[in-house]
Amino acid sequence: MRAEIVSAAKAAAPNSTIDDQMTLARGASDGFSDIAKFSVGELTGLASGTASILMLTFR
């Protein structure tokens, strides 16, 4: 799952540095990967930004 999310980030912003700060936690909720990839896509129009996901809520 991690590689899939990082790959999506690199595809969304090929000229950017991807700083993977994901940490291991106890099991991913259903839909986590989809929400993570969505959040990466939302950052593409910004000069800089971060995405945080807590309990399947994108911030």
Protein backbone atom coordinates (compact mmCIF):
# COMPACT_ATOMS: atom_id res chain seq x y z
CA MET A 1 0.00 0.00 0.00
CA ARG A 2 2.82 2.41 0.89
CA ALA A 3 4.52 1.95 -2.50
CA GLU A 4 1.19 2.52 -4.26
CA ILE A 5 0.63 5.83 -2.44
CA VAL A 6 4.20 7.05 -3.03
CA SER A 7 3.88 6.09 -6.68
CA ALA A 8 0.66 8.10 -6.96
CA ALA A 9 2.43 11.10 -5.38
CA LYS A 10 5.31 10.86 -7.85
CA ALA A 11 2.90 10.57 -10.78
CA ALA A 12 0.87 13.57 -9.59
CA ALA A 13 3.93 15.77 -9.06
CA PRO A 14 6.79 14.39 -11.18
CA ASN A 15 8.99 17.48 -10.75
CA SER A 16 8.56 17.67 -6.97
CA THR A 17 10.39 16.12 -4.06
CA ILE A 18 8.19 13.58 -2.29
CA ASP A 19 8.85 13.50 1.46
CA ASP A 20 7.31 10.23 2.65
CA GLN A 21 6.62 10.61 6.37
CA MET A 22 4.12 7.78 6.62
CA THR A 23 4.44 5.76 9.79
CA LEU A 24 3.35 2.25 10.57
CA ALA A 25 0.12 1.95 12.45
CA ARG A 26 -2.28 -0.78 13.35
CA GLY A 27 -3.99 -1.85 10.12
CA ALA A 28 -5.40 0.47 7.51
CA SER A 29 -9.12 1.10 7.37
CA ASP A 30 -11.04 0.09 4.27
CA GLY A 31 -10.65 2.84 1.72
CA PHE A 32 -7.46 4.28 3.21
CA SER A 33 -5.41 3.84 0.05
CA ASP A 34 -8.07 5.53 -2.10
CA ILE A 35 -8.33 8.49 0.27
CA ALA A 36 -4.53 8.81 0.42
CA LYS A 37 -4.27 8.87 -3.37
CA PHE A 38 -7.12 11.40 -3.56
CA SER A 39 -5.35 13.67 -1.07
CA VAL A 40 -2.15 13.55 -3.14
CA GLY A 41 -4.13 14.64 -6.18
CA GLU A 42 -5.59 17.58 -4.28
CA LEU A 43 -2.09 18.92 -3.58
CA THR A 44 -1.00 19.11 -7.22
CA GLY A 45 -2.16 22.71 -7.77
CA LEU A 46 -0.25 24.07 -4.77
CA ALA A 47 3.31 25.41 -4.63
CA SER A 48 3.75 23.44 -1.39
CA GLY A 49 1.51 21.58 0.99
CA THR A 50 0.93 18.56 3.18
CA ALA A 51 -1.81 15.99 3.47
CA SER A 52 -2.91 14.36 6.71
CA ILE A 53 -5.43 11.58 7.10
CA LEU A 54 -6.95 10.75 10.46
CA MET A 55 -9.73 8.21 10.76
CA LEU A 56 -10.38 8.44 6.98
CA THR A 57 -10.79 12.23 7.18
CA PHE A 58 -8.61 14.24 4.78
CA ARG A 59 -7.17 17.44 6.23
